């Protein structure tokens, strides 16, 4: 603790000063007794008294020095014991202890990072935390930190990046570290693996929120694949292909698969269908548009309503 260390250092400095003053005083008094140029101490009683005082000062200085040595040795033993205990905790703990500075760069990492993420502490120090945490989760974590009133958070679920590129679901707890004299501020905490059942729940919740945001924010675009007559080369129609505006690089098929897994498959298909029909307004009226939907969506009673409201129904153009 910084406060305790400062008080201990102040006490040691004061004791050293006292010892120094006593030794200097004893040396000066001894020199005066031996030399005594003015003959002040010719009286035997004064000589005995001065000698006794000098001896007493020397004995006190020796006792204080011995006490200082014992206390210093005891503190050193306790410090070594605490360091060994902390080293044992850091080495054997299943939780990853870490600290980052105000810029998000690692200033400490326990050895557990090697087993959990494949990165040794030496490889993480001075690296930005985005090296091991998924960027979207990092931004959400920053938002959560700004929204809370307390100094930290508890049991926040986030995705971390393993060295081999795989995702690792972990539970994170931490607190802010205010800047002090000689130490920069930052953030420190612990991370631990989620159990398999919790990972499945977290992954499902993340997928649902991800697909829900895609639908609500309409981050879909449509690309048209031309369909030509092979004999004449004439453009007959186009096939509508959905594309998703996202930073994770997920393919179109994975988006629809994830949506189906969390019960949003049909809703995402309708969102993609409406985007395609809206974009198709700019196409020539003499060509058809091929739309891809699953059997479940094709049988949904909402499909005819969406198609009847499209520009194709009003202009007489066709879809297939």
C-alpha atoms as a PDB file:
ATOM      1  CA  UNK A   1       0.000   0.000   0.000  1.00  0.00           C
ATOM      2  CA  UNK A   2       1.440   3.433  -0.898  1.00  0.00           C
ATOM      3  CA  UNK A   3       0.435   5.062   2.414  1.00  0.00           C
ATOM      4  CA  UNK A   4       1.968   2.340   4.542  1.00  0.00           C
ATOM      5  CA  UNK A   5       5.148   2.256   2.481  1.00  0.00           C
ATOM      6  CA  UNK A   6       5.552   6.014   2.860  1.00  0.00           C
ATOM      7  CA  UNK A   7       5.104   5.899   6.650  1.00  0.00           C
ATOM      8  CA  UNK A   8       7.602   3.033   6.961  1.00  0.00           C
ATOM      9  CA  UNK A   9      10.124   4.910   4.837  1.00  0.00           C
ATOM     10  CA  UNK A  10       9.673   8.056   6.962  1.00  0.00           C
ATOM     11  CA  UNK A  11      10.221   6.108  10.195  1.00  0.00           C
ATOM     12  CA  UNK A  12      13.400   4.511   8.842  1.00  0.00           C
ATOM     13  CA  UNK A  13      14.743   7.898   7.737  1.00  0.00           C
ATOM     14  CA  UNK A  14      14.056   9.400  11.168  1.00  0.00           C
ATOM     15  CA  UNK A  15      15.812   6.491  12.907  1.00  0.00           C
ATOM     16  CA  UNK A  16      18.852   6.826  10.650  1.00  0.00           C
ATOM     17  CA  UNK A  17      19.020  10.551  11.461  1.00  0.00           C
ATOM     18  CA  UNK A  18      18.890   9.865  15.206  1.00  0.00           C
ATOM     19  CA  UNK A  19      21.653   7.267  14.922  1.00  0.00           C
ATOM     20  CA  UNK A  20      23.794   9.634  12.883  1.00  0.00           C
ATOM     21  CA  UNK A  21      23.387  12.486  15.387  1.00  0.00           C
ATOM     22  CA  UNK A  22      24.196  10.220  18.331  1.00  0.00           C
ATOM     23  CA  UNK A  23      27.310   8.788  16.678  1.00  0.00           C
ATOM     24  CA  UNK A  24      28.556  12.256  15.697  1.00  0.00           C
ATOM     25  CA  UNK A  25      27.935  13.587  19.171  1.00  0.00           C
ATOM     26  CA  UNK A  26      29.783  10.645  20.741  1.00  0.00           C
ATOM     27  CA  UNK A  27      32.722  11.132  18.386  1.00  0.00           C
ATOM     28  CA  UNK A  28      32.942  14.860  19.083  1.00  0.00           C
ATOM     29  CA  UNK A  29      32.632  14.350  22.819  1.00  0.00           C
ATOM     30  CA  UNK A  30      35.272  11.612  22.744  1.00  0.00           C
ATOM     31  CA  UNK A  31      37.635  13.799  20.760  1.00  0.00           C
ATOM     32  CA  UNK A  32      37.102  16.655  23.207  1.00  0.00           C
ATOM     33  CA  UNK A  33      37.762  14.339  26.173  1.00  0.00           C
ATOM     34  CA  UNK A  34      40.979  12.986  24.665  1.00  0.00           C
ATOM     35  CA  UNK A  35      42.375  16.276  23.449  1.00  0.00           C
ATOM     36  CA  UNK A  36      40.994  18.672  26.117  1.00  0.00           C
ATOM     37  CA  UNK A  37      43.440  21.472  25.237  1.00  0.00           C
ATOM     38  CA  UNK A  38      42.046  23.807  27.895  1.00  0.00           C
ATOM     39  CA  UNK A  39      42.326  21.262  30.663  1.00  0.00           C
ATOM     40  CA  UNK A  40      38.620  21.534  31.462  1.00  0.00           C
ATOM     41  CA  UNK A  41      38.351  17.851  32.283  1.00  0.00           C
ATOM     42  CA  UNK A  42      41.351  17.586  34.605  1.00  0.00           C
ATOM     43  CA  UNK A  43      38.977  16.669  37.391  1.00  0.00           C
ATOM     44  CA  UNK A  44      38.708  12.849  37.557  1.00  0.00           C
ATOM     45  CA  UNK A  45      34.983  12.973  38.330  1.00  0.00           C
ATOM     46  CA  UNK A  46      34.282  15.022  35.224  1.00  0.00           C
ATOM     47  CA  UNK A  47      36.338  12.627  33.154  1.00  0.00           C
ATOM     48  CA  UNK A  48      34.338   9.650  34.491  1.00  0.00           C
ATOM     49  CA  UNK A  49      31.034  11.460  33.876  1.00  0.00           C
ATOM     50  CA  UNK A  50      32.016  12.447  30.321  1.00  0.00           C
ATOM     51  CA  UNK A  51      33.210   8.942  29.596  1.00  0.00           C
ATOM     52  CA  UNK A  52      29.966   7.494  30.948  1.00  0.00           C
ATOM     53  CA  UNK A  53      27.895   9.849  28.751  1.00  0.00           C
ATOM     54  CA  UNK A  54      29.950   8.938  25.686  1.00  0.00           C
ATOM     55  CA  UNK A  55      29.659   5.228  26.444  1.00  0.00           C
ATOM     56  CA  UNK A  56      25.906   5.570  26.989  1.00  0.00           C
ATOM     57  CA  UNK A  57      25.501   7.294  23.627  1.00  0.00           C
ATOM     58  CA  UNK A  58      27.545   4.617  21.903  1.00  0.00           C
ATOM     59  CA  UNK A  59      25.523   1.830  23.560  1.00  0.00           C
ATOM     60  CA  UNK A  60      22.222   3.505  22.636  1.00  0.00           C
ATOM     61  CA  UNK A  61      23.405   3.953  19.077  1.00  0.00           C
ATOM     62  CA  UNK A  62      24.382   0.275  18.911  1.00  0.00           C
ATOM     63  CA  UNK A  63      21.025  -0.823  20.370  1.00  0.00           C
ATOM     64  CA  UNK A  64      19.098   1.350  17.948  1.00  0.00           C
ATOM     65  CA  UNK A  65      21.190   0.061  15.060  1.00  0.00           C
ATOM     66  CA  UNK A  66      20.579  -3.526  16.159  1.00  0.00           C
ATOM     67  CA  UNK A  67      16.851  -2.876  16.478  1.00  0.00           C
ATOM     68  CA  UNK A  68      16.817  -1.236  13.060  1.00  0.00           C
ATOM     69  CA  UNK A  69      18.599  -4.236  11.581  1.00  0.00           C
ATOM     70  CA  UNK A  70      16.134  -6.701  13.117  1.00  0.00           C
ATOM     71  CA  UNK A  71      13.104  -4.720  11.953  1.00  0.00           C
ATOM     72  CA  UNK A  72      14.554  -4.283   8.489  1.00  0.00           C
ATOM     73  CA  UNK A  73      15.272  -8.017   8.261  1.00  0.00           C
ATOM     74  CA  UNK A  74      11.752  -8.859   9.463  1.00  0.00           C
ATOM     75  CA  UNK A  75      10.190  -6.486   6.936  1.00  0.00           C
ATOM     76  CA  UNK A  76      12.355  -7.990   4.197  1.00  0.00           C
ATOM     77  CA  UNK A  77      11.256 -11.495   5.182  1.00  0.00           C
ATOM     78  CA  UNK A  78       7.594 -10.441   5.179  1.00  0.00           C
ATOM     79  CA  UNK A  79       8.024  -8.742   1.808  1.00  0.00           C
ATOM     80  CA  UNK A  80       9.651 -11.833   0.327  1.00  0.00           C
ATOM     81  CA  UNK A  81       6.903 -14.032   1.779  1.00  0.00           C
ATOM     82  CA  UNK A  82       4.200 -11.749   0.378  1.00  0.00           C
ATOM     83  CA  UNK A  83       5.936 -11.667  -3.006  1.00  0.00           C
ATOM     84  CA  UNK A  84       6.162 -15.460  -3.072  1.00  0.00           C
ATOM     85  CA  UNK A  85       2.512 -15.765  -2.089  1.00  0.00           C
ATOM     86  CA  UNK A  86       1.467 -13.273  -4.779  1.00  0.00           C
ATOM     87  CA  UNK A  87       3.584 -15.106  -7.328  1.00  0.00           C
ATOM     88  CA  UNK A  88       1.881 -18.379  -6.352  1.00  0.00           C
ATOM     89  CA  UNK A  89      -1.560 -16.772  -6.683  1.00  0.00           C
ATOM     90  CA  UNK A  90      -0.750 -15.255 -10.075  1.00  0.00           C
ATOM     91  CA  UNK A  91       0.733 -18.504 -11.360  1.00  0.00           C
ATOM     92  CA  UNK A  92      -1.958 -20.904 -10.145  1.00  0.00           C
ATOM     93  CA  UNK A  93      -5.083 -18.739 -10.404  1.00  0.00           C
ATOM     94  CA  UNK A  94      -7.552 -19.490 -13.178  1.00  0.00           C
ATOM     95  CA  UNK A  95      -8.393 -15.795 -13.361  1.00  0.00           C
ATOM     96  CA  UNK A  96      -6.358 -13.463 -15.508  1.00  0.00           C
ATOM     97  CA  UNK A  97      -5.179 -10.362 -13.645  1.00  0.00           C
ATOM     98  CA  UNK A  98      -4.366  -7.370 -15.814  1.00  0.00           C
ATOM     99  CA  UNK A  99      -3.878  -3.607 -15.754  1.00  0.00           C
ATOM    100  CA  UNK A 100      -3.960  -0.981 -18.506  1.00  0.00           C
ATOM    101  CA  UNK A 101      -2.988   2.682 -18.511  1.00  0.00           C
ATOM    102  CA  UNK A 102      -5.109   5.652 -19.569  1.00  0.00           C
ATOM    103  CA  UNK A 103      -4.387   4.913 -23.238  1.00  0.00           C
ATOM    104  CA  UNK A 104      -5.577   1.310 -22.890  1.00  0.00           C
ATOM    105  CA  UNK A 105      -2.075  -0.203 -23.086  1.00  0.00           C
ATOM    106  CA  UNK A 106      -1.194  -3.115 -20.844  1.00  0.00           C
ATOM    107  CA  UNK A 107       1.042  -2.310 -17.896  1.00  0.00           C
ATOM    108  CA  UNK A 108       0.627  -5.714 -16.210  1.00  0.00           C
ATOM    109  CA  UNK A 109      -0.542  -9.207 -17.138  1.00  0.00           C
ATOM    110  CA  UNK A 110      -0.515 -12.334 -15.017  1.00  0.00           C
ATOM    111  CA  UNK A 111       0.822 -15.601 -16.500  1.00  0.00           C
ATOM    112  CA  UNK A 112      -2.753 -16.892 -16.906  1.00  0.00           C
ATOM    113  CA  UNK A 113      -2.978 -14.951 -20.180  1.00  0.00           C
ATOM    114  CA  UNK A 114      -0.799 -17.628 -21.790  1.00  0.00           C
ATOM    115  CA  UNK A 115      -3.271 -20.415 -21.083  1.00  0.00           C
ATOM    116  CA  UNK A 116      -6.437 -18.410 -21.759  1.00  0.00           C
ATOM    117  CA  UNK A 117      -5.449 -16.398 -24.819  1.00  0.00           C
ATOM    118  CA  UNK A 118      -2.128 -17.795 -26.028  1.00  0.00           C
ATOM    119  CA  UNK A 119      -0.262 -14.540 -25.317  1.00  0.00           C
ATOM    120  CA  UNK A 120       2.512 -14.374 -22.719  1.00  0.00           C
ATOM    121  CA  UNK A 121       2.649 -11.365 -20.368  1.00  0.00           C
ATOM    122  CA  UNK A 122       5.804 -10.108 -22.101  1.00  0.00           C
ATOM    123  CA  UNK A 123       3.947 -10.089 -25.426  1.00  0.00           C
ATOM    124  CA  UNK A 124       1.084  -8.022 -24.009  1.00  0.00           C
ATOM    125  CA  UNK A 125       2.956  -5.367 -22.019  1.00  0.00           C
ATOM    126  CA  UNK A 126       2.832  -1.981 -23.833  1.00  0.00           C
ATOM    127  CA  UNK A 127       0.316  -3.407 -26.352  1.00  0.00           C
ATOM    128  CA  UNK A 128      -3.174  -1.914 -26.689  1.00  0.00           C
ATOM    129  CA  UNK A 129      -5.964  -3.983 -25.160  1.00  0.00           C
ATOM    130  CA  UNK A 130      -7.710  -4.149 -28.548  1.00  0.00           C
ATOM    131  CA  UNK A 131      -5.131  -6.826 -29.353  1.00  0.00           C
ATOM    132  CA  UNK A 132      -7.059  -9.304 -27.193  1.00  0.00           C
ATOM    133  CA  UNK A 133     -10.606  -7.935 -26.939  1.00  0.00           C
ATOM    134  CA  UNK A 134     -13.074  -7.731 -29.811  1.00  0.00           C
ATOM    135  CA  UNK A 135     -13.375  -4.091 -30.914  1.00  0.00           C
ATOM    136  CA  UNK A 136     -17.176  -3.930 -30.758  1.00  0.00           C
ATOM    137  CA  UNK A 137     -17.110  -5.306 -27.220  1.00  0.00           C
ATOM    138  CA  UNK A 138     -14.358  -2.843 -26.338  1.00  0.00           C
ATOM    139  CA  UNK A 139     -16.522   0.061 -27.482  1.00  0.00           C
ATOM    140  CA  UNK A 140     -19.478  -1.311 -25.526  1.00  0.00           C
ATOM    141  CA  UNK A 141     -17.271  -1.697 -22.459  1.00  0.00           C
ATOM    142  CA  UNK A 142     -16.152   1.923 -22.778  1.00  0.00           C
ATOM    143  CA  UNK A 143     -19.799   2.978 -23.016  1.00  0.00           C
ATOM    144  CA  UNK A 144     -20.703   0.926 -19.948  1.00  0.00           C
ATOM    145  CA  UNK A 145     -17.826   2.466 -18.024  1.00  0.00           C
ATOM    146  CA  UNK A 146     -18.945   5.985 -18.953  1.00  0.00           C
ATOM    147  CA  UNK A 147     -22.550   5.240 -17.978  1.00  0.00           C
ATOM    148  CA  UNK A 148     -21.979   3.887 -14.476  1.00  0.00           C
ATOM    149  CA  UNK A 149     -21.522   6.063 -11.420  1.00  0.00           C
ATOM    150  CA  UNK A 150     -19.140   3.757  -9.570  1.00  0.00           C
ATOM    151  CA  UNK A 151     -15.413   3.280 -10.129  1.00  0.00           C
ATOM    152  CA  UNK A 152     -15.709  -0.019 -12.000  1.00  0.00           C
ATOM    153  CA  UNK A 153     -17.867  -2.912 -13.151  1.00  0.00           C
ATOM    154  CA  UNK A 154     -18.570  -6.517 -12.229  1.00  0.00           C
ATOM    155  CA  UNK A 155     -19.256  -9.641 -14.301  1.00  0.00           C
ATOM    156  CA  UNK A 156     -19.402  -7.991 -17.716  1.00  0.00           C
ATOM    157  CA  UNK A 157     -19.441 -10.586 -20.511  1.00  0.00           C
ATOM    158  CA  UNK A 158     -17.127  -9.844 -23.432  1.00  0.00           C
ATOM    159  CA  UNK A 159     -15.462 -11.661 -26.316  1.00  0.00           C
ATOM    160  CA  UNK A 160     -11.690 -11.903 -26.320  1.00  0.00           C
ATOM    161  CA  UNK A 161      -9.419 -12.812 -29.211  1.00  0.00           C
ATOM    162  CA  UNK A 162      -7.178 -15.848 -28.861  1.00  0.00           C
ATOM    163  CA  UNK A 163      -3.798 -15.835 -30.531  1.00  0.00           C
ATOM    164  CA  UNK A 164      -5.071 -18.432 -33.032  1.00  0.00           C
ATOM    165  CA  UNK A 165      -7.891 -16.090 -34.095  1.00  0.00           C
ATOM    166  CA  UNK A 166     -10.725 -17.834 -32.246  1.00  0.00           C
ATOM    167  CA  UNK A 167     -13.155 -16.049 -29.928  1.00  0.00           C
ATOM    168  CA  UNK A 168     -12.984 -16.652 -26.177  1.00  0.00           C
ATOM    169  CA  UNK A 169     -15.993 -15.683 -24.055  1.00  0.00           C
ATOM    170  CA  UNK A 170     -14.925 -14.283 -20.688  1.00  0.00           C
ATOM    171  CA  UNK A 171     -16.406 -12.554 -17.664  1.00  0.00           C
ATOM    172  CA  UNK A 172     -14.672  -9.309 -16.738  1.00  0.00           C
ATOM    173  CA  UNK A 173     -14.586  -7.382 -13.460  1.00  0.00           C
ATOM    174  CA  UNK A 174     -12.489  -4.313 -12.836  1.00  0.00           C
ATOM    175  CA  UNK A 175     -12.124  -0.858 -11.395  1.00  0.00           C
ATOM    176  CA  UNK A 176     -10.537   2.434 -12.304  1.00  0.00           C
ATOM    177  CA  UNK A 177      -7.092   3.214 -10.902  1.00  0.00           C
ATOM    178  CA  UNK A 178      -6.702   6.920 -10.112  1.00  0.00           C
ATOM    179  CA  UNK A 179      -3.408   8.621 -10.845  1.00  0.00           C
ATOM    180  CA  UNK A 180      -1.101   9.072  -7.861  1.00  0.00           C
ATOM    181  CA  UNK A 181       2.379  10.461  -7.368  1.00  0.00           C
ATOM    182  CA  UNK A 182       4.747   8.424  -9.487  1.00  0.00           C
ATOM    183  CA  UNK A 183       1.952   6.223 -10.896  1.00  0.00           C
ATOM    184  CA  UNK A 184      -0.291   6.875 -13.868  1.00  0.00           C
ATOM    185  CA  UNK A 185      -4.005   6.253 -13.781  1.00  0.00           C
ATOM    186  CA  UNK A 186      -5.759   3.527 -15.709  1.00  0.00           C
ATOM    187  CA  UNK A 187      -7.884   0.459 -15.220  1.00  0.00           C
ATOM    188  CA  UNK A 188      -7.217  -2.907 -13.595  1.00  0.00           C
ATOM    189  CA  UNK A 189      -9.234  -6.045 -13.102  1.00  0.00           C
ATOM    190  CA  UNK A 190      -9.665  -9.762 -13.662  1.00  0.00           C
ATOM    191  CA  UNK A 191     -11.079 -11.950 -16.432  1.00  0.00           C
ATOM    192  CA  UNK A 192     -12.141 -15.584 -16.306  1.00  0.00           C
ATOM    193  CA  UNK A 193     -13.534 -18.101 -18.747  1.00  0.00           C
ATOM    194  CA  UNK A 194     -17.285 -18.555 -18.897  1.00  0.00           C
ATOM    195  CA  UNK A 195     -18.557 -22.121 -18.377  1.00  0.00           C
ATOM    196  CA  UNK A 196     -19.848 -23.837 -21.558  1.00  0.00           C
ATOM    197  CA  UNK A 197     -23.535 -23.296 -20.752  1.00  0.00           C
ATOM    198  CA  UNK A 198     -22.962 -19.601 -20.080  1.00  0.00           C
ATOM    199  CA  UNK A 199     -20.978 -19.310 -23.302  1.00  0.00           C
ATOM    200  CA  UNK A 200     -23.916 -20.706 -25.269  1.00  0.00           C
ATOM    201  CA  UNK A 201     -26.315 -18.288 -23.590  1.00  0.00           C
ATOM    202  CA  UNK A 202     -23.979 -15.346 -24.118  1.00  0.00           C
ATOM    203  CA  UNK A 203     -23.405 -16.270 -27.766  1.00  0.00           C
ATOM    204  CA  UNK A 204     -27.161 -16.569 -28.386  1.00  0.00           C
ATOM    205  CA  UNK A 205     -27.848 -13.219 -26.703  1.00  0.00           C
ATOM    206  CA  UNK A 206     -25.074 -11.573 -28.705  1.00  0.00           C
ATOM    207  CA  UNK A 207     -26.350 -13.012 -31.983  1.00  0.00           C
ATOM    208  CA  UNK A 208     -29.919 -11.908 -31.243  1.00  0.00           C
ATOM    209  CA  UNK A 209     -28.802  -8.347 -30.427  1.00  0.00           C
ATOM    210  CA  UNK A 210     -26.576  -8.260 -33.511  1.00  0.00           C
ATOM    211  CA  UNK A 211     -29.342  -9.397 -35.886  1.00  0.00           C
ATOM    212  CA  UNK A 212     -31.928  -7.193 -34.168  1.00  0.00           C
ATOM    213  CA  UNK A 213     -29.727  -4.146 -34.674  1.00  0.00           C
ATOM    214  CA  UNK A 214     -29.214  -5.054 -38.344  1.00  0.00           C
ATOM    215  CA  UNK A 215     -32.980  -5.221 -38.887  1.00  0.00           C
ATOM    216  CA  UNK A 216     -33.889  -2.112 -36.891  1.00  0.00           C
ATOM    217  CA  UNK A 217     -31.089   0.063 -38.274  1.00  0.00           C
ATOM    218  CA  UNK A 218     -31.597  -1.261 -41.833  1.00  0.00           C
ATOM    219  CA  UNK A 219     -27.921  -1.853 -42.526  1.00  0.00           C
ATOM    220  CA  UNK A 220     -28.720  -3.920 -45.604  1.00  0.00           C
ATOM    221  CA  UNK A 221     -28.017  -3.211 -49.255  1.00  0.00           C
ATOM    222  CA  UNK A 222     -28.977  -5.071 -52.418  1.00  0.00           C
ATOM    223  CA  UNK A 223     -26.721  -6.081 -55.274  1.00  0.00           C
ATOM    224  CA  UNK A 224     -28.287  -7.192 -58.576  1.00  0.00           C
ATOM    225  CA  UNK A 225     -26.803 -10.092 -60.534  1.00  0.00           C
ATOM    226  CA  UNK A 226     -27.761  -9.694 -64.228  1.00  0.00           C
ATOM    227  CA  UNK A 227     -29.473 -12.551 -66.078  1.00  0.00           C
ATOM    228  CA  UNK A 228     -28.907 -12.588 -69.854  1.00  0.00           C
ATOM    229  CA  UNK A 229     -30.289 -14.544 -72.773  1.00  0.00           C
ATOM    230  CA  UNK A 230     -27.349 -16.732 -73.810  1.00  0.00           C
ATOM    231  CA  UNK A 231     -28.303 -16.684 -77.453  1.00  0.00           C
ATOM    232  CA  UNK A 232     -28.897 -12.946 -77.915  1.00  0.00           C
ATOM    233  CA  UNK A 233     -27.127 -11.476 -74.889  1.00  0.00           C
ATOM    234  CA  UNK A 234     -30.246  -9.501 -74.067  1.00  0.00           C
ATOM    235  CA  UNK A 235     -30.796  -8.604 -70.403  1.00  0.00           C
ATOM    236  CA  UNK A 236     -33.836 -10.494 -69.177  1.00  0.00           C
ATOM    237  CA  UNK A 237     -33.756  -9.833 -65.458  1.00  0.00           C
ATOM    238  CA  UNK A 238     -31.677  -9.648 -62.304  1.00  0.00           C
ATOM    239  CA  UNK A 239     -31.260 -11.706 -59.170  1.00  0.00           C
ATOM    240  CA  UNK A 240     -31.445  -9.705 -55.922  1.00  0.00           C
ATOM    241  CA  UNK A 241     -28.554 -10.520 -53.551  1.00  0.00           C
ATOM    242  CA  UNK A 242     -28.466  -9.162 -50.016  1.00  0.00           C
ATOM    243  CA  UNK A 243     -25.326  -7.643 -48.528  1.00  0.00           C
ATOM    244  CA  UNK A 244     -24.819  -6.619 -44.915  1.00  0.00           C
ATOM    245  CA  UNK A 245     -23.012  -3.470 -43.811  1.00  0.00           C
ATOM    246  CA  UNK A 246     -20.946  -4.614 -40.821  1.00  0.00           C
ATOM    247  CA  UNK A 247     -17.360  -4.508 -39.598  1.00  0.00           C
ATOM    248  CA  UNK A 248     -17.009  -8.161 -38.600  1.00  0.00           C
ATOM    249  CA  UNK A 249     -16.689  -9.461 -42.151  1.00  0.00           C
ATOM    250  CA  UNK A 250     -19.389 -12.123 -41.701  1.00  0.00           C
ATOM    251  CA  UNK A 251     -20.769 -13.636 -44.896  1.00  0.00           C
ATOM    252  CA  UNK A 252     -24.363 -13.270 -46.041  1.00  0.00           C
ATOM    253  CA  UNK A 253     -25.085 -16.936 -45.376  1.00  0.00           C
ATOM    254  CA  UNK A 254     -23.788 -16.673 -41.801  1.00  0.00           C
ATOM    255  CA  UNK A 255     -26.049 -13.687 -41.134  1.00  0.00           C
ATOM    256  CA  UNK A 256     -29.145 -15.611 -42.238  1.00  0.00           C
ATOM    257  CA  UNK A 257     -27.988 -18.728 -40.359  1.00  0.00           C
ATOM    258  CA  UNK A 258     -27.438 -16.774 -37.138  1.00  0.00           C
ATOM    259  CA  UNK A 259     -30.830 -15.105 -37.546  1.00  0.00           C
ATOM    260  CA  UNK A 260     -32.531 -18.471 -37.960  1.00  0.00           C
ATOM    261  CA  UNK A 261     -30.778 -19.847 -34.866  1.00  0.00           C
ATOM    262  CA  UNK A 262     -32.154 -17.049 -32.644  1.00  0.00           C
ATOM    263  CA  UNK A 263     -35.658 -16.991 -34.130  1.00  0.00           C
ATOM    264  CA  UNK A 264     -35.227 -13.913 -36.339  1.00  0.00           C
ATOM    265  CA  UNK A 265     -34.736 -15.698 -39.667  1.00  0.00           C
ATOM    266  CA  UNK A 266     -38.043 -14.769 -41.270  1.00  0.00           C
ATOM    267  CA  UNK A 267     -37.883 -11.190 -39.983  1.00  0.00           C
ATOM    268  CA  UNK A 268     -34.392 -10.704 -41.453  1.00  0.00           C
ATOM    269  CA  UNK A 269     -35.535 -12.181 -44.770  1.00  0.00           C
ATOM    270  CA  UNK A 270     -38.453  -9.741 -44.909  1.00  0.00           C
ATOM    271  CA  UNK A 271     -36.086  -6.854 -44.147  1.00  0.00           C
ATOM    272  CA  UNK A 272     -33.806  -7.986 -46.968  1.00  0.00           C
ATOM    273  CA  UNK A 273     -36.830  -8.438 -49.272  1.00  0.00           C
ATOM    274  CA  UNK A 274     -38.147  -4.936 -48.595  1.00  0.00           C
ATOM    275  CA  UNK A 275     -34.674  -3.490 -49.228  1.00  0.00           C
ATOM    276  CA  UNK A 276     -34.456  -5.345 -52.549  1.00  0.00           C
ATOM    277  CA  UNK A 277     -37.904  -4.200 -53.681  1.00  0.00           C
ATOM    278  CA  UNK A 278     -37.131  -0.590 -52.759  1.00  0.00           C
ATOM    279  CA  UNK A 279     -33.792  -0.675 -54.578  1.00  0.00           C
ATOM    280  CA  UNK A 280     -35.377  -2.330 -57.622  1.00  0.00           C
ATOM    281  CA  UNK A 281     -37.472   0.799 -58.285  1.00  0.00           C
ATOM    282  CA  UNK A 282     -34.499   2.188 -60.193  1.00  0.00           C
ATOM    283  CA  UNK A 283     -34.411  -0.771 -62.631  1.00  0.00           C
ATOM    284  CA  UNK A 284     -35.917  -0.854 -66.114  1.00  0.00           C
ATOM    285  CA  UNK A 285     -39.568  -1.873 -66.070  1.00  0.00           C
ATOM    286  CA  UNK A 286     -39.128  -4.523 -68.810  1.00  0.00           C
ATOM    287  CA  UNK A 287     -36.938  -6.870 -66.758  1.00  0.00           C
ATOM    288  CA  UNK A 288     -37.864  -9.200 -63.938  1.00  0.00           C
ATOM    289  CA  UNK A 289     -36.378  -9.471 -60.462  1.00  0.00           C
ATOM    290  CA  UNK A 290     -35.624 -12.869 -58.907  1.00  0.00           C
ATOM    291  CA  UNK A 291     -36.003 -12.916 -55.125  1.00  0.00           C
ATOM    292  CA  UNK A 292     -34.590 -15.668 -52.888  1.00  0.00           C
ATOM    293  CA  UNK A 293     -36.621 -16.677 -49.840  1.00  0.00           C
ATOM    294  CA  UNK A 294     -36.770 -19.816 -47.716  1.00  0.00           C
ATOM    295  CA  UNK A 295     -39.834 -22.106 -47.812  1.00  0.00           C
ATOM    296  CA  UNK A 296     -40.920 -20.888 -44.372  1.00  0.00           C
ATOM    297  CA  UNK A 297     -40.863 -17.252 -45.478  1.00  0.00           C
ATOM    298  CA  UNK A 298     -42.556 -18.137 -48.750  1.00  0.00           C
ATOM    299  CA  UNK A 299     -45.498 -19.611 -46.803  1.00  0.00           C
ATOM    300  CA  UNK A 300     -45.716 -16.681 -44.397  1.00  0.00           C
ATOM    301  CA  UNK A 301     -48.968 -14.707 -44.876  1.00  0.00           C
ATOM    302  CA  UNK A 302     -47.014 -11.452 -44.652  1.00  0.00           C
ATOM    303  CA  UNK A 303     -45.213 -12.114 -47.957  1.00  0.00           C
ATOM    304  CA  UNK A 304     -48.165 -11.320 -50.285  1.00  0.00           C
ATOM    305  CA  UNK A 305     -48.779  -8.071 -48.403  1.00  0.00           C
ATOM    306  CA  UNK A 306     -45.169  -6.943 -48.870  1.00  0.00           C
ATOM    307  CA  UNK A 307     -45.190  -7.832 -52.567  1.00  0.00           C
ATOM    308  CA  UNK A 308     -48.536  -6.133 -53.183  1.00  0.00           C
ATOM    309  CA  UNK A 309     -47.190  -2.867 -51.741  1.00  0.00           C
ATOM    310  CA  UNK A 310     -44.117  -2.876 -53.966  1.00  0.00           C
ATOM    311  CA  UNK A 311     -43.596  -0.801 -57.108  1.00  0.00           C
ATOM    312  CA  UNK A 312     -43.847  -4.005 -59.189  1.00  0.00           C
ATOM    313  CA  UNK A 313     -47.467  -4.449 -58.252  1.00  0.00           C
ATOM    314  CA  UNK A 314     -48.249  -0.859 -59.318  1.00  0.00           C
ATOM    315  CA  UNK A 315     -46.294  -0.863 -62.596  1.00  0.00           C
ATOM    316  CA  UNK A 316     -47.054  -4.344 -63.828  1.00  0.00           C
ATOM    317  CA  UNK A 317     -43.436  -5.468 -63.643  1.00  0.00           C
ATOM    318  CA  UNK A 318     -42.751  -8.995 -62.515  1.00  0.00           C
ATOM    319  CA  UNK A 319     -40.799 -10.893 -59.903  1.00  0.00           C
ATOM    320  CA  UNK A 320     -39.964 -14.553 -59.603  1.00  0.00           C
END
